[in-house]
Every structure is written in structure tokens, then in C-alpha cells.
Amino acid sequence: MEEHGEVCLAEEAERLWRSGMRVDEVSRRMGVDAAWVESVISPLLEDETRPEKVRPIPPR
């Protein structure tokens, strides 16, 4: 059986958002509600601002 390269909607929304598209652009392109896109990317925003993810400032 052949695979058709199916992608999870959440993964596609994340990919589009990471490519630089705004939430409303992702929503329009995918034909989904902007609130759903927000719910998909909000954990990513939280993860990026966690202290262990932030680069420390080097001492002078």
C-alpha cells in the first residue's frame, strides 16, 4: 500500500506558522478557525519563552 504523504492538521498549522505566516494567514490558508490555530501554537510560544530555552547572556 502506498503512503500519500498525509500530514496532521496541527503539524501543518505549526509548519506554516514557523515559516513566518501570521495566525490569520494560516487560518485562511487551511480553512480552519483562527482560535484553533492559536490553540495549536500557544504551547509552542510558551515553550520558546521557558528559561531553559532562552540563551543566557554571556558575562563581560
N, C-alpha and C. Protein backbone atom coordinates (compact mmCIF):
# COMPACT_ATOMS: atom_id res chain seq x y z
N MET A 1 0.83 -1.18 0.00
CA MET A 1 0.00 0.00 0.00
C MET A 1 0.89 1.25 0.00
N GLU A 2 0.55 2.22 -0.81
CA GLU A 2 1.33 3.45 -0.91
C GLU A 2 0.93 4.45 0.16
N GLU A 3 1.93 5.17 0.64
CA GLU A 3 1.63 6.29 1.54
C GLU A 3 1.46 7.53 0.68
N HIS A 4 0.53 8.37 1.07
CA HIS A 4 0.25 9.56 0.28
C HIS A 4 0.79 10.83 0.91
N GLY A 5 1.70 10.72 1.86
CA GLY A 5 2.29 11.90 2.47
C GLY A 5 1.30 12.72 3.27
N GLU A 6 0.38 12.07 3.95
CA GLU A 6 -0.62 12.78 4.74
C GLU A 6 0.05 13.47 5.92
N VAL A 7 -0.44 14.64 6.23
CA VAL A 7 0.11 15.43 7.33
C VAL A 7 -1.01 15.77 8.30
N CYS A 8 -0.72 15.68 9.57
CA CYS A 8 -1.67 16.07 10.61
C CYS A 8 -1.94 17.58 10.47
N LEU A 9 -3.19 17.98 10.65
CA LEU A 9 -3.55 19.40 10.54
C LEU A 9 -2.75 20.27 11.50
N ALA A 10 -2.58 19.79 12.72
CA ALA A 10 -1.82 20.57 13.71
C ALA A 10 -0.37 20.75 13.27
N GLU A 11 0.22 19.69 12.71
CA GLU A 11 1.60 19.79 12.23
C GLU A 11 1.71 20.78 11.07
N GLU A 12 0.72 20.77 10.19
CA GLU A 12 0.73 21.70 9.05
C GLU A 12 0.56 23.14 9.54
N ALA A 13 -0.33 23.35 10.51
CA ALA A 13 -0.51 24.69 11.07
C ALA A 13 0.79 25.18 11.70
N GLU A 14 1.45 24.31 12.44
CA GLU A 14 2.72 24.67 13.07
C GLU A 14 3.77 25.00 12.00
N ARG A 15 3.85 24.19 10.97
CA ARG A 15 4.83 24.40 9.90
C ARG A 15 4.61 25.76 9.23
N LEU A 16 3.36 26.05 8.90
CA LEU A 16 3.05 27.33 8.25
C LEU A 16 3.38 28.51 9.16
N TRP A 17 3.03 28.38 10.44
CA TRP A 17 3.30 29.45 11.40
C TRP A 17 4.81 29.66 11.56
N ARG A 18 5.56 28.57 11.67
CA ARG A 18 7.02 28.68 11.80
C ARG A 18 7.66 29.26 10.54
N SER A 19 6.98 29.13 9.40
CA SER A 19 7.52 29.69 8.15
C SER A 19 7.36 31.20 8.09
N GLY A 20 6.66 31.77 9.08
CA GLY A 20 6.52 33.22 9.15
C GLY A 20 5.12 33.73 8.91
N MET A 21 4.18 32.83 8.65
CA MET A 21 2.80 33.27 8.43
C MET A 21 2.16 33.65 9.76
N ARG A 22 1.29 34.66 9.70
CA ARG A 22 0.53 35.05 10.89
C ARG A 22 -0.60 34.05 11.12
N VAL A 23 -1.15 34.06 12.32
CA VAL A 23 -2.23 33.14 12.68
C VAL A 23 -3.40 33.27 11.71
N ASP A 24 -3.80 34.50 11.39
CA ASP A 24 -4.94 34.68 10.48
C ASP A 24 -4.63 34.16 9.08
N GLU A 25 -3.38 34.27 8.65
CA GLU A 25 -2.99 33.75 7.34
C GLU A 25 -3.03 32.23 7.32
N VAL A 26 -2.53 31.62 8.39
CA VAL A 26 -2.56 30.15 8.50
C VAL A 26 -4.01 29.69 8.48
N SER A 27 -4.84 30.35 9.25
CA SER A 27 -6.25 30.01 9.35
C SER A 27 -6.95 30.07 7.99
N ARG A 28 -6.73 31.16 7.27
CA ARG A 28 -7.35 31.31 5.94
C ARG A 28 -6.84 30.25 4.97
N ARG A 29 -5.54 30.05 4.96
CA ARG A 29 -4.95 29.09 4.02
C ARG A 29 -5.45 27.67 4.25
N MET A 30 -5.59 27.31 5.53
CA MET A 30 -6.01 25.95 5.86
C MET A 30 -7.52 25.79 5.92
N GLY A 31 -8.25 26.91 5.98
CA GLY A 31 -9.70 26.84 6.09
C GLY A 31 -10.17 26.40 7.46
N VAL A 32 -9.42 26.82 8.48
CA VAL A 32 -9.78 26.48 9.86
C VAL A 32 -9.95 27.77 10.66
N ASP A 33 -10.52 27.66 11.83
CA ASP A 33 -10.75 28.80 12.70
C ASP A 33 -9.42 29.30 13.29
N ALA A 34 -9.27 30.61 13.35
CA ALA A 34 -8.05 31.21 13.90
C ALA A 34 -7.84 30.82 15.37
N ALA A 35 -8.93 30.66 16.11
CA ALA A 35 -8.80 30.25 17.52
C ALA A 35 -8.17 28.87 17.63
N TRP A 36 -8.49 27.99 16.68
CA TRP A 36 -7.89 26.65 16.69
C TRP A 36 -6.39 26.76 16.42
N VAL A 37 -6.01 27.60 15.46
CA VAL A 37 -4.58 27.78 15.16
C VAL A 37 -3.87 28.31 16.40
N GLU A 38 -4.48 29.28 17.08
CA GLU A 38 -3.91 29.81 18.32
C GLU A 38 -3.71 28.70 19.35
N SER A 39 -4.70 27.81 19.46
CA SER A 39 -4.60 26.72 20.45
C SER A 39 -3.48 25.76 20.09
N VAL A 40 -3.19 25.62 18.81
CA VAL A 40 -2.11 24.74 18.37
C VAL A 40 -0.75 25.36 18.65
N ILE A 41 -0.60 26.65 18.40
CA ILE A 41 0.72 27.27 18.56
C ILE A 41 0.99 27.82 19.95
N SER A 42 -0.04 27.99 20.78
CA SER A 42 0.20 28.57 22.11
C SER A 42 1.18 27.75 22.95
N PRO A 43 1.13 26.41 22.94
CA PRO A 43 2.16 25.68 23.69
C PRO A 43 3.57 25.93 23.13
N LEU A 44 3.67 26.17 21.85
CA LEU A 44 4.97 26.44 21.24
C LEU A 44 5.51 27.78 21.72
N LEU A 45 4.63 28.76 21.84
CA LEU A 45 5.05 30.08 22.33
C LEU A 45 5.53 29.98 23.77
N GLU A 46 4.80 29.22 24.58
CA GLU A 46 5.19 29.04 25.98
C GLU A 46 6.53 28.33 26.07
N ASP A 47 6.73 27.32 25.23
CA ASP A 47 7.96 26.54 25.24
C ASP A 47 9.16 27.40 24.85
N GLU A 48 8.97 28.31 23.90
CA GLU A 48 10.07 29.16 23.44
C GLU A 48 10.49 30.19 24.48
N THR A 49 9.61 30.53 25.42
CA THR A 49 9.94 31.54 26.42
C THR A 49 10.35 30.93 27.75
N ARG A 50 10.41 29.60 27.82
CA ARG A 50 10.84 28.96 29.06
C ARG A 50 12.31 29.29 29.32
N PRO A 51 12.68 29.49 30.58
CA PRO A 51 14.06 29.89 30.90
C PRO A 51 15.12 28.97 30.32
N GLU A 52 14.89 27.66 30.30
CA GLU A 52 15.91 26.76 29.78
C GLU A 52 16.05 26.85 28.26
N LYS A 53 15.09 27.48 27.60
CA LYS A 53 15.15 27.65 26.15
C LYS A 53 15.79 28.98 25.76
N VAL A 54 15.88 29.91 26.71
CA VAL A 54 16.42 31.23 26.42
C VAL A 54 17.94 31.17 26.57
N ARG A 55 18.64 31.71 25.58
CA ARG A 55 20.10 31.72 25.63
C ARG A 55 20.57 32.64 26.74
N PRO A 56 21.48 32.18 27.57
CA PRO A 56 21.99 33.07 28.63
C PRO A 56 22.86 34.18 28.03
N ILE A 57 22.88 35.30 28.72
CA ILE A 57 23.73 36.42 28.30
C ILE A 57 25.14 36.12 28.79
N PRO A 58 26.12 36.12 27.89
CA PRO A 58 27.49 35.81 28.32
C PRO A 58 28.06 36.93 29.21
N PRO A 59 28.87 36.56 30.19
CA PRO A 59 29.47 37.59 31.06
C PRO A 59 30.49 38.41 30.28
N ARG A 60 30.68 39.64 30.72
CA ARG A 60 31.67 40.52 30.06
C ARG A 60 32.98 40.47 30.77
